[in-house]
Amino acid sequence: MIDGSSKGNSFKRSEFDKLEIELNHAKFYHLRYLQYEYFLDFKDISIDLFDEMATVSVLEGHDVEFEISREISKAEPVISKMRNLLHSIELRKENGGSPDRSE
């Protein structure tokens, strides 16, 4: 969920544009995922009842086997690992409705 403001819509458009570029890059360089494990570690969740807002801190990680890795070595493909990518997510209630998300 992204708020419906012009700022939210601009954010969504830019994220979709980046995703399209990443997908084409992955296809061209044989970086599509063959297998993966994805991790989320929620570090902190705070709720401010007065301002009707919640903040979530979460660490992202993954283990990925890419196409190119198996093409190079079918017997022992390299597994790419990433850990501790921090995300902060804010949820806020607007106009008496459901909370909207911004990042």
PDB file of N, CA and C in Angstrom:
ATOM      1  N   MET A   1       0.835  -1.168   0.000  1.00  0.00           N
ATOM      2  CA  MET A   1       0.000   0.000   0.000  1.00  0.00           C
ATOM      3  C   MET A   1       0.883   1.236   0.000  1.00  0.00           C
ATOM      4  N   ILE A   2       0.564   2.166  -0.858  1.00  0.00           N
ATOM      5  CA  ILE A   2       1.267   3.442  -0.938  1.00  0.00           C
ATOM      6  C   ILE A   2       0.211   4.530  -0.925  1.00  0.00           C
ATOM      7  N   ASP A   3       0.488   5.620  -0.208  1.00  0.00           N
ATOM      8  CA  ASP A   3      -0.538   6.655  -0.139  1.00  0.00           C
ATOM      9  C   ASP A   3      -0.835   7.213  -1.533  1.00  0.00           C
ATOM     10  N   GLY A   4      -2.020   7.742  -1.702  1.00  0.00           N
ATOM     11  CA  GLY A   4      -2.493   8.191  -3.007  1.00  0.00           C
ATOM     12  C   GLY A   4      -2.071   9.593  -3.387  1.00  0.00           C
ATOM     13  N   SER A   5      -1.171  10.194  -2.627  1.00  0.00           N
ATOM     14  CA  SER A   5      -0.709  11.549  -2.942  1.00  0.00           C
ATOM     15  C   SER A   5       0.163  11.536  -4.192  1.00  0.00           C
ATOM     16  N   SER A   6       0.446  12.725  -4.720  1.00  0.00           N
ATOM     17  CA  SER A   6       1.326  12.810  -5.894  1.00  0.00           C
ATOM     18  C   SER A   6       2.726  12.299  -5.547  1.00  0.00           C
ATOM     19  N   LYS A   7       3.164  12.519  -4.301  1.00  0.00           N
ATOM     20  CA  LYS A   7       4.469  12.003  -3.867  1.00  0.00           C
ATOM     21  C   LYS A   7       4.452  10.472  -3.849  1.00  0.00           C
ATOM     22  N   GLY A   8       3.367   9.874  -3.339  1.00  0.00           N
ATOM     23  CA  GLY A   8       3.242   8.416  -3.323  1.00  0.00           C
ATOM     24  C   GLY A   8       3.201   7.833  -4.724  1.00  0.00           C
ATOM     25  N   ASN A   9       2.455   8.485  -5.622  1.00  0.00           N
ATOM     26  CA  ASN A   9       2.368   7.998  -7.009  1.00  0.00           C
ATOM     27  C   ASN A   9       3.700   8.124  -7.726  1.00  0.00           C
ATOM     28  N   SER A  10       4.426   9.191  -7.466  1.00  0.00           N
ATOM     29  CA  SER A  10       5.753   9.371  -8.059  1.00  0.00           C
ATOM     30  C   SER A  10       6.713   8.287  -7.565  1.00  0.00           C
ATOM     31  N   PHE A  11       6.653   7.990  -6.264  1.00  0.00           N
ATOM     32  CA  PHE A  11       7.478   6.931  -5.687  1.00  0.00           C
ATOM     33  C   PHE A  11       7.165   5.592  -6.359  1.00  0.00           C
ATOM     34  N   LYS A  12       5.878   5.285  -6.517  1.00  0.00           N
ATOM     35  CA  LYS A  12       5.470   4.016  -7.123  1.00  0.00           C
ATOM     36  C   LYS A  12       5.966   3.923  -8.570  1.00  0.00           C
ATOM     37  N   ARG A  13       5.818   4.991  -9.349  1.00  0.00           N
ATOM     38  CA  ARG A  13       6.291   4.980 -10.743  1.00  0.00           C
ATOM     39  C   ARG A  13       7.797   4.735 -10.812  1.00  0.00           C
ATOM     40  N   SER A  14       8.555   5.421  -9.946  1.00  0.00           N
ATOM     41  CA  SER A  14      10.015   5.259  -9.988  1.00  0.00           C
ATOM     42  C   SER A  14      10.419   3.839  -9.579  1.00  0.00           C
ATOM     43  N   GLU A  15       9.716   3.246  -8.613  1.00  0.00           N
ATOM     44  CA  GLU A  15      10.018   1.873  -8.204  1.00  0.00           C
ATOM     45  C   GLU A  15       9.708   0.878  -9.327  1.00  0.00           C
ATOM     46  N   PHE A  16       8.599   1.062 -10.031  1.00  0.00           N
ATOM     47  CA  PHE A  16       8.266   0.172 -11.151  1.00  0.00           C
ATOM     48  C   PHE A  16       9.276   0.324 -12.284  1.00  0.00           C
ATOM     49  N   ASP A  17       9.733   1.558 -12.543  1.00  0.00           N
ATOM     50  CA  ASP A  17      10.746   1.777 -13.580  1.00  0.00           C
ATOM     51  C   ASP A  17      12.049   1.067 -13.213  1.00  0.00           C
ATOM     52  N   LYS A  18      12.465   1.177 -11.950  1.00  0.00           N
ATOM     53  CA  LYS A  18      13.687   0.491 -11.509  1.00  0.00           C
ATOM     54  C   LYS A  18      13.539  -1.020 -11.610  1.00  0.00           C
ATOM     55  N   LEU A  19      12.369  -1.531 -11.257  1.00  0.00           N
ATOM     56  CA  LEU A  19      12.122  -2.973 -11.326  1.00  0.00           C
ATOM     57  C   LEU A  19      12.220  -3.473 -12.764  1.00  0.00           C
ATOM     58  N   GLU A  20      11.663  -2.734 -13.704  1.00  0.00           N
ATOM     59  CA  GLU A  20      11.732  -3.139 -15.111  1.00  0.00           C
ATOM     60  C   GLU A  20      13.186  -3.190 -15.594  1.00  0.00           C
ATOM     61  N   ILE A  21      13.983  -2.224 -15.205  1.00  0.00           N
ATOM     62  CA  ILE A  21      15.406  -2.208 -15.576  1.00  0.00           C
ATOM     63  C   ILE A  21      16.119  -3.400 -14.948  1.00  0.00           C
ATOM     64  N   GLU A  22      15.857  -3.669 -13.664  1.00  0.00           N
ATOM     65  CA  GLU A  22      16.493  -4.798 -12.979  1.00  0.00           C
ATOM     66  C   GLU A  22      16.129  -6.129 -13.634  1.00  0.00           C
ATOM     67  N   LEU A  23      14.874  -6.300 -14.034  1.00  0.00           N
ATOM     68  CA  LEU A  23      14.446  -7.547 -14.667  1.00  0.00           C
ATOM     69  C   LEU A  23      15.136  -7.752 -16.008  1.00  0.00           C
ATOM     70  N   ASN A  24      15.251  -6.695 -16.810  1.00  0.00           N
ATOM     71  CA  ASN A  24      15.939  -6.803 -18.102  1.00  0.00           C
ATOM     72  C   ASN A  24      17.426  -7.075 -17.907  1.00  0.00           C
ATOM     73  N   HIS A  25      18.030  -6.435 -16.927  1.00  0.00           N
ATOM     74  CA  HIS A  25      19.442  -6.668 -16.603  1.00  0.00           C
ATOM     75  C   HIS A  25      19.655  -8.127 -16.188  1.00  0.00           C
ATOM     76  N   ALA A  26      18.783  -8.648 -15.327  1.00  0.00           N
ATOM     77  CA  ALA A  26      18.898 -10.034 -14.854  1.00  0.00           C
ATOM     78  C   ALA A  26      18.776 -11.020 -16.012  1.00  0.00           C
ATOM     79  N   LYS A  27      17.862 -10.775 -16.930  1.00  0.00           N
ATOM     80  CA  LYS A  27      17.682 -11.671 -18.078  1.00  0.00           C
ATOM     81  C   LYS A  27      18.916 -11.644 -18.984  1.00  0.00           C
ATOM     82  N   PHE A  28      19.421 -10.461 -19.271  1.00  0.00           N
ATOM     83  CA  PHE A  28      20.552 -10.308 -20.179  1.00  0.00           C
ATOM     84  C   PHE A  28      21.824 -10.948 -19.631  1.00  0.00           C
ATOM     85  N   TYR A  29      22.067 -10.792 -18.319  1.00  0.00           N
ATOM     86  CA  TYR A  29      23.297 -11.292 -17.704  1.00  0.00           C
ATOM     87  C   TYR A  29      23.125 -12.630 -16.987  1.00  0.00           C
ATOM     88  N   HIS A  30      22.023 -13.318 -17.229  1.00  0.00           N
ATOM     89  CA  HIS A  30      21.749 -14.639 -16.640  1.00  0.00           C
ATOM     90  C   HIS A  30      21.750 -14.583 -15.112  1.00  0.00           C
ATOM     91  N   LEU A  31      21.094 -13.568 -14.584  1.00  0.00           N
ATOM     92  CA  LEU A  31      21.045 -13.365 -13.135  1.00  0.00           C
ATOM     93  C   LEU A  31      19.662 -13.653 -12.550  1.00  0.00           C
ATOM     94  N   ARG A  32      18.847 -14.365 -13.307  1.00  0.00           N
ATOM     95  CA  ARG A  32      17.547 -14.744 -12.746  1.00  0.00           C
ATOM     96  C   ARG A  32      17.767 -15.792 -11.659  1.00  0.00           C
ATOM     97  N   TYR A  33      16.851 -15.817 -10.693  1.00  0.00           N
ATOM     98  CA  TYR A  33      16.961 -16.740  -9.566  1.00  0.00           C
ATOM     99  C   TYR A  33      16.558 -18.148  -9.974  1.00  0.00           C
ATOM    100  N   LEU A  34      17.393 -19.134  -9.597  1.00  0.00           N
ATOM    101  CA  LEU A  34      17.015 -20.537  -9.750  1.00  0.00           C
ATOM    102  C   LEU A  34      16.468 -21.069  -8.438  1.00  0.00           C
ATOM    103  N   GLN A  35      17.112 -20.706  -7.337  1.00  0.00           N
ATOM    104  CA  GLN A  35      16.655 -21.074  -5.992  1.00  0.00           C
ATOM    105  C   GLN A  35      16.971 -19.907  -5.062  1.00  0.00           C
ATOM    106  N   TYR A  36      16.139 -19.755  -4.043  1.00  0.00           N
ATOM    107  CA  TYR A  36      16.416 -18.682  -3.088  1.00  0.00           C
ATOM    108  C   TYR A  36      15.773 -18.968  -1.741  1.00  0.00           C
ATOM    109  N   GLU A  37      16.359 -18.373  -0.729  1.00  0.00           N
ATOM    110  CA  GLU A  37      15.774 -18.295   0.611  1.00  0.00           C
ATOM    111  C   GLU A  37      15.773 -16.821   0.971  1.00  0.00           C
ATOM    112  N   TYR A  38      14.672 -16.364   1.539  1.00  0.00           N
ATOM    113  CA  TYR A  38      14.480 -14.958   1.846  1.00  0.00           C
ATOM    114  C   TYR A  38      14.213 -14.819   3.340  1.00  0.00           C
ATOM    115  N   PHE A  39      14.861 -13.853   3.989  1.00  0.00           N
ATOM    116  CA  PHE A  39      14.732 -13.692   5.431  1.00  0.00           C
ATOM    117  C   PHE A  39      14.281 -12.278   5.783  1.00  0.00           C
ATOM    118  N   LEU A  40      13.374 -12.183   6.728  1.00  0.00           N
ATOM    119  CA  LEU A  40      12.998 -10.899   7.327  1.00  0.00           C
ATOM    120  C   LEU A  40      13.121 -11.037   8.842  1.00  0.00           C
ATOM    121  N   ASP A  41      13.835 -10.114   9.449  1.00  0.00           N
ATOM    122  CA  ASP A  41      14.029 -10.121  10.895  1.00  0.00           C
ATOM    123  C   ASP A  41      13.487  -8.793  11.437  1.00  0.00           C
ATOM    124  N   PHE A  42      12.287  -8.852  12.018  1.00  0.00           N
ATOM    125  CA  PHE A  42      11.658  -7.646  12.548  1.00  0.00           C
ATOM    126  C   PHE A  42      12.367  -7.256  13.841  1.00  0.00           C
ATOM    127  N   LYS A  43      13.002  -6.080  13.832  1.00  0.00           N
ATOM    128  CA  LYS A  43      13.809  -5.638  14.963  1.00  0.00           C
ATOM    129  C   LYS A  43      13.001  -4.807  15.949  1.00  0.00           C
ATOM    130  N   ASP A  44      12.136  -3.956  15.444  1.00  0.00           N
ATOM    131  CA  ASP A  44      11.418  -3.052  16.333  1.00  0.00           C
ATOM    132  C   ASP A  44      10.078  -2.680  15.704  1.00  0.00           C
ATOM    133  N   ILE A  45       9.037  -2.706  16.507  1.00  0.00           N
ATOM    134  CA  ILE A  45       7.720  -2.243  16.085  1.00  0.00           C
ATOM    135  C   ILE A  45       7.239  -1.293  17.168  1.00  0.00           C
ATOM    136  N   SER A  46       7.035  -0.034  16.792  1.00  0.00           N
ATOM    137  CA  SER A  46       6.545   0.932  17.781  1.00  0.00           C
ATOM    138  C   SER A  46       5.243   1.543  17.274  1.00  0.00           C
ATOM    139  N   ILE A  47       4.318   1.774  18.215  1.00  0.00           N
ATOM    140  CA  ILE A  47       3.002   2.310  17.882  1.00  0.00           C
ATOM    141  C   ILE A  47       2.787   3.582  18.690  1.00  0.00           C
ATOM    142  N   ASP A  48       2.429   4.640  17.987  1.00  0.00           N
ATOM    143  CA  ASP A  48       2.113   5.918  18.619  1.00  0.00           C
ATOM    144  C   ASP A  48       0.605   6.123  18.479  1.00  0.00           C
ATOM    145  N   LEU A  49      -0.137   5.831  19.542  1.00  0.00           N
ATOM    146  CA  LEU A  49      -1.600   5.931  19.502  1.00  0.00           C
ATOM    147  C   LEU A  49      -2.075   7.373  19.337  1.00  0.00           C
ATOM    148  N   PHE A  50      -1.328   8.321  19.900  1.00  0.00           N
ATOM    149  CA  PHE A  50      -1.723   9.729  19.810  1.00  0.00           C
ATOM    150  C   PHE A  50      -1.696  10.205  18.353  1.00  0.00           C
ATOM    151  N   ASP A  51      -0.597   9.911  17.633  1.00  0.00           N
ATOM    152  CA  ASP A  51      -0.461  10.339  16.239  1.00  0.00           C
ATOM    153  C   ASP A  51      -1.018   9.311  15.254  1.00  0.00           C
ATOM    154  N   GLU A  52      -1.548   8.195  15.770  1.00  0.00           N
ATOM    155  CA  GLU A  52      -2.081   7.106  14.942  1.00  0.00           C
ATOM    156  C   GLU A  52      -1.062   6.684  13.877  1.00  0.00           C
ATOM    157  N   MET A  53       0.122   6.314  14.379  1.00  0.00           N
ATOM    158  CA  MET A  53       1.230   5.955  13.503  1.00  0.00           C
ATOM    159  C   MET A  53       1.987   4.769  14.077  1.00  0.00           C
ATOM    160  N   ALA A  54       2.469   3.909  13.206  1.00  0.00           N
ATOM    161  CA  ALA A  54       3.313   2.782  13.609  1.00  0.00           C
ATOM    162  C   ALA A  54       4.597   2.821  12.774  1.00  0.00           C
ATOM    163  N   THR A  55       5.698   2.446  13.409  1.00  0.00           N
ATOM    164  CA  THR A  55       6.983   2.372  12.725  1.00  0.00           C
ATOM    165  C   THR A  55       7.550   0.976  12.923  1.00  0.00           C
ATOM    166  N   VAL A  56       8.029   0.390  11.834  1.00  0.00           N
ATOM    167  CA  VAL A  56       8.582  -0.961  11.853  1.00  0.00           C
ATOM    168  C   VAL A  56      10.002  -0.913  11.296  1.00  0.00           C
ATOM    169  N   SER A  57      10.955  -1.498  12.021  1.00  0.00           N
ATOM    170  CA  SER A  57      12.327  -1.661  11.524  1.00  0.00           C
ATOM    171  C   SER A  57      12.528  -3.144  11.258  1.00  0.00           C
ATOM    172  N   VAL A  58      12.976  -3.456  10.050  1.00  0.00           N
ATOM    173  CA  VAL A  58      13.148  -4.855   9.664  1.00  0.00           C
ATOM    174  C   VAL A  58      14.450  -5.017   8.877  1.00  0.00           C
ATOM    175  N   LEU A  59      15.168  -6.105   9.170  1.00  0.00           N
ATOM    176  CA  LEU A  59      16.382  -6.450   8.427  1.00  0.00           C
ATOM    177  C   LEU A  59      16.046  -7.509   7.390  1.00  0.00           C
ATOM    178  N   GLU A  60      16.531  -7.303   6.175  1.00  0.00           N
ATOM    179  CA  GLU A  60      16.297  -8.232   5.065  1.00  0.00           C
ATOM    180  C   GLU A  60      17.585  -8.985   4.755  1.00  0.00           C
ATOM    181  N   GLY A  61      17.436 -10.246   4.365  1.00  0.00           N
ATOM    182  CA  GLY A  61      18.570 -11.041   3.929  1.00  0.00           C
ATOM    183  C   GLY A  61      18.111 -12.105   2.953  1.00  0.00           C
ATOM    184  N   HIS A  62      19.059 -12.652   2.191  1.00  0.00           N
ATOM    185  CA  HIS A  62      18.706 -13.733   1.281  1.00  0.00           C
ATOM    186  C   HIS A  62      19.926 -14.566   0.889  1.00  0.00           C
ATOM    187  N   ASP A  63      19.656 -15.781   0.440  1.00  0.00           N
ATOM    188  CA  ASP A  63      20.631 -16.672  -0.195  1.00  0.00           C
ATOM    189  C   ASP A  63      20.057 -16.988  -1.574  1.00  0.00           C
ATOM    190  N   VAL A  64      20.839 -16.729  -2.629  1.00  0.00           N
ATOM    191  CA  VAL A  64      20.329 -16.886  -3.993  1.00  0.00           C
ATOM    192  C   VAL A  64      21.309 -17.670  -4.849  1.00  0.00           C
ATOM    193  N   GLU A  65      20.757 -18.604  -5.618  1.00  0.00           N
ATOM    194  CA  GLU A  65      21.528 -19.252  -6.681  1.00  0.00           C
ATOM    195  C   GLU A  65      21.054 -18.655  -8.001  1.00  0.00           C
ATOM    196  N   PHE A  66      21.962 -17.972  -8.699  1.00  0.00           N
ATOM    197  CA  PHE A  66      21.642 -17.345  -9.980  1.00  0.00           C
ATOM    198  C   PHE A  66      21.900 -18.316 -11.134  1.00  0.00           C
ATOM    199  N   GLU A  67      21.244 -18.077 -12.268  1.00  0.00           N
ATOM    200  CA  GLU A  67      21.447 -18.899 -13.472  1.00  0.00           C
ATOM    201  C   GLU A  67      22.926 -19.005 -13.835  1.00  0.00           C
ATOM    202  N   ILE A  68      23.617 -17.874 -13.840  1.00  0.00           N
ATOM    203  CA  ILE A  68      25.019 -17.845 -14.269  1.00  0.00           C
ATOM    204  C   ILE A  68      25.893 -18.710 -13.377  1.00  0.00           C
ATOM    205  N   SER A  69      25.552 -18.783 -12.103  1.00  0.00           N
ATOM    206  CA  SER A  69      26.336 -19.591 -11.173  1.00  0.00           C
ATOM    207  C   SER A  69      26.276 -21.070 -11.545  1.00  0.00           C
ATOM    208  N   ARG A  70      25.092 -21.541 -11.894  1.00  0.00           N
ATOM    209  CA  ARG A  70      24.953 -22.950 -12.276  1.00  0.00           C
ATOM    210  C   ARG A  70      25.569 -23.196 -13.659  1.00  0.00           C
ATOM    211  N   GLU A  71      25.512 -22.192 -14.536  1.00  0.00           N
ATOM    212  CA  GLU A  71      26.143 -22.345 -15.853  1.00  0.00           C
ATOM    213  C   GLU A  71      27.655 -22.491 -15.709  1.00  0.00           C
ATOM    214  N   ILE A  72      28.229 -21.806 -14.740  1.00  0.00           N
ATOM    215  CA  ILE A  72      29.677 -21.869 -14.517  1.00  0.00           C
ATOM    216  C   ILE A  72      30.071 -23.179 -13.840  1.00  0.00           C
ATOM    217  N   SER A  73      29.296 -23.603 -12.856  1.00  0.00           N
ATOM    218  CA  SER A  73      29.621 -24.821 -12.120  1.00  0.00           C
ATOM    219  C   SER A  73      28.336 -25.532 -11.700  1.00  0.00           C
ATOM    220  N   LYS A  74      27.968 -26.550 -12.481  1.00  0.00           N
ATOM    221  CA  LYS A  74      26.742 -27.295 -12.155  1.00  0.00           C
ATOM    222  C   LYS A  74      26.897 -28.086 -10.857  1.00  0.00           C
ATOM    223  N   ALA A  75      28.103 -28.586 -10.596  1.00  0.00           N
ATOM    224  CA  ALA A  75      28.325 -29.419  -9.414  1.00  0.00           C
ATOM    225  C   ALA A  75      28.316 -28.593  -8.128  1.00  0.00           C
ATOM    226  N   GLU A  76      28.915 -27.402  -8.162  1.00  0.00           N
ATOM    227  CA  GLU A  76      28.999 -26.568  -6.961  1.00  0.00           C
ATOM    228  C   GLU A  76      28.732 -25.100  -7.298  1.00  0.00           C
ATOM    229  N   PRO A  77      27.486 -24.757  -7.610  1.00  0.00           N
ATOM    230  CA  PRO A  77      27.193 -23.347  -7.927  1.00  0.00           C
ATOM    231  C   PRO A  77      27.389 -22.464  -6.694  1.00  0.00           C
ATOM    232  N   VAL A  78      27.854 -21.264  -6.930  1.00  0.00           N
ATOM    233  CA  VAL A  78      28.060 -20.301  -5.850  1.00  0.00           C
ATOM    234  C   VAL A  78      26.703 -19.767  -5.392  1.00  0.00           C
ATOM    235  N   ILE A  79      26.508 -19.697  -4.097  1.00  0.00           N
ATOM    236  CA  ILE A  79      25.293 -19.127  -3.529  1.00  0.00           C
ATOM    237  C   ILE A  79      25.626 -17.707  -3.060  1.00  0.00           C
ATOM    238  N   SER A  80      24.920 -16.748  -3.603  1.00  0.00           N
ATOM    239  CA  SER A  80      25.106 -15.360  -3.216  1.00  0.00           C
ATOM    240  C   SER A  80      24.327 -15.095  -1.932  1.00  0.00           C
ATOM    241  N   LYS A  81      24.982 -14.426  -0.966  1.00  0.00           N
ATOM    242  CA  LYS A  81      24.341 -14.163   0.326  1.00  0.00           C
ATOM    243  C   LYS A  81      24.342 -12.662   0.606  1.00  0.00           C
ATOM    244  N   MET A  82      23.234 -12.181   1.120  1.00  0.00           N
ATOM    245  CA  MET A  82      23.120 -10.788   1.538  1.00  0.00           C
ATOM    246  C   MET A  82      22.418 -10.777   2.888  1.00  0.00           C
ATOM    247  N   ARG A  83      22.899  -9.941   3.800  1.00  0.00           N
ATOM    248  CA  ARG A  83      22.312  -9.846   5.129  1.00  0.00           C
ATOM    249  C   ARG A  83      22.263  -8.386   5.579  1.00  0.00           C
ATOM    250  N   ASN A  84      21.364  -8.138   6.526  1.00  0.00           N
ATOM    251  CA  ASN A  84      21.306  -6.884   7.280  1.00  0.00           C
ATOM    252  C   ASN A  84      21.001  -5.638   6.456  1.00  0.00           C
ATOM    253  N   LEU A  85      20.159  -5.771   5.436  1.00  0.00           N
ATOM    254  CA  LEU A  85      19.683  -4.595   4.714  1.00  0.00           C
ATOM    255  C   LEU A  85      18.496  -4.036   5.504  1.00  0.00           C
ATOM    256  N   LEU A  86      18.700  -2.867   6.106  1.00  0.00           N
ATOM    257  CA  LEU A  86      17.704  -2.290   7.015  1.00  0.00           C
ATOM    258  C   LEU A  86      16.633  -1.526   6.251  1.00  0.00           C
ATOM    259  N   HIS A  87      15.377  -1.799   6.595  1.00  0.00           N
ATOM    260  CA  HIS A  87      14.227  -1.065   6.059  1.00  0.00           C
ATOM    261  C   HIS A  87      13.476  -0.459   7.239  1.00  0.00           C
ATOM    262  N   SER A  88      12.978   0.740   7.049  1.00  0.00           N
ATOM    263  CA  SER A  88      12.118   1.385   8.033  1.00  0.00           C
ATOM    264  C   SER A  88      10.789   1.680   7.345  1.00  0.00           C
ATOM    265  N   ILE A  89       9.713   1.174   7.901  1.00  0.00           N
ATOM    266  CA  ILE A  89       8.389   1.331   7.306  1.00  0.00           C
ATOM    267  C   ILE A  89       7.513   2.107   8.276  1.00  0.00           C
ATOM    268  N   GLU A  90       6.860   3.130   7.771  1.00  0.00           N
ATOM    269  CA  GLU A  90       5.939   3.918   8.580  1.00  0.00           C
ATOM    270  C   GLU A  90       4.519   3.712   8.087  1.00  0.00           C
ATOM    271  N   LEU A  91       3.625   3.459   9.022  1.00  0.00           N
ATOM    272  CA  LEU A  91       2.200   3.324   8.721  1.00  0.00           C
ATOM    273  C   LEU A  91       1.479   4.433   9.461  1.00  0.00           C
ATOM    274  N   ARG A  92       0.617   5.132   8.768  1.00  0.00           N
ATOM    275  CA  ARG A  92      -0.120   6.193   9.425  1.00  0.00           C
ATOM    276  C   ARG A  92      -1.577   6.176   8.978  1.00  0.00           C
ATOM    277  N   LYS A  93      -2.436   6.496   9.898  1.00  0.00           N
ATOM    278  CA  LYS A  93      -3.857   6.543   9.614  1.00  0.00           C
ATOM    279  C   LYS A  93      -4.191   7.937   9.091  1.00  0.00           C
ATOM    280  N   GLU A  94      -4.878   7.988   7.964  1.00  0.00           N
ATOM    281  CA  GLU A  94      -5.239   9.265   7.367  1.00  0.00           C
ATOM    282  C   GLU A  94      -6.735   9.347   7.156  1.00  0.00           C
ATOM    283  N   ASN A  95      -7.308  10.475   7.474  1.00  0.00           N
ATOM    284  CA  ASN A  95      -8.724  10.755   7.227  1.00  0.00           C
ATOM    285  C   ASN A  95      -9.648   9.691   7.794  1.00  0.00           C
ATOM    286  N   GLY A  96      -9.294   9.122   8.924  1.00  0.00           N
ATOM    287  CA  GLY A  96     -10.157   8.144   9.571  1.00  0.00           C
ATOM    288  C   GLY A  96     -10.212   6.797   8.886  1.00  0.00           C
ATOM    289  N   GLY A  97      -9.400   6.593   7.856  1.00  0.00           N
ATOM    290  CA  GLY A  97      -9.430   5.334   7.113  1.00  0.00           C
ATOM    291  C   GLY A  97      -8.349   4.383   7.565  1.00  0.00           C
ATOM    292  N   SER A  98      -8.114   3.394   6.734  1.00  0.00           N
ATOM    293  CA  SER A  98      -7.082   2.406   7.003  1.00  0.00           C
ATOM    294  C   SER A  98      -5.713   3.041   6.907  1.00  0.00           C
ATOM    295  N   PRO A  99      -4.736   2.492   7.616  1.00  0.00           N
ATOM    296  CA  PRO A  99      -3.373   3.036   7.542  1.00  0.00           C
ATOM    297  C   PRO A  99      -2.811   2.905   6.135  1.00  0.00           C
ATOM    298  N   ASP A 100      -2.013   3.900   5.744  1.00  0.00           N
ATOM    299  CA  ASP A 100      -1.297   3.882   4.477  1.00  0.00           C
ATOM    300  C   ASP A 100       0.176   3.692   4.772  1.00  0.00           C
ATOM    301  N   ARG A 101       0.914   3.144   3.811  1.00  0.00           N
ATOM    302  CA  ARG A 101       2.325   2.854   4.026  1.00  0.00           C
ATOM    303  C   ARG A 101       3.190   3.791   3.213  1.00  0.00           C
ATOM    304  N   SER A 102       4.276   4.203   3.784  1.00  0.00           N
ATOM    305  CA  SER A 102       5.310   4.937   3.047  1.00  0.00           C
ATOM    306  C   SER A 102       6.652   4.415   3.520  1.00  0.00           C
ATOM    307  N   GLU A 103       7.646   4.484   2.651  1.00  0.00           N
ATOM    308  CA  GLU A 103       8.973   3.984   3.027  1.00  0.00           C
ATOM    309  C   GLU A 103       9.996   5.035   2.748  1.00  0.00           C
TER     310      GLU A 103
END
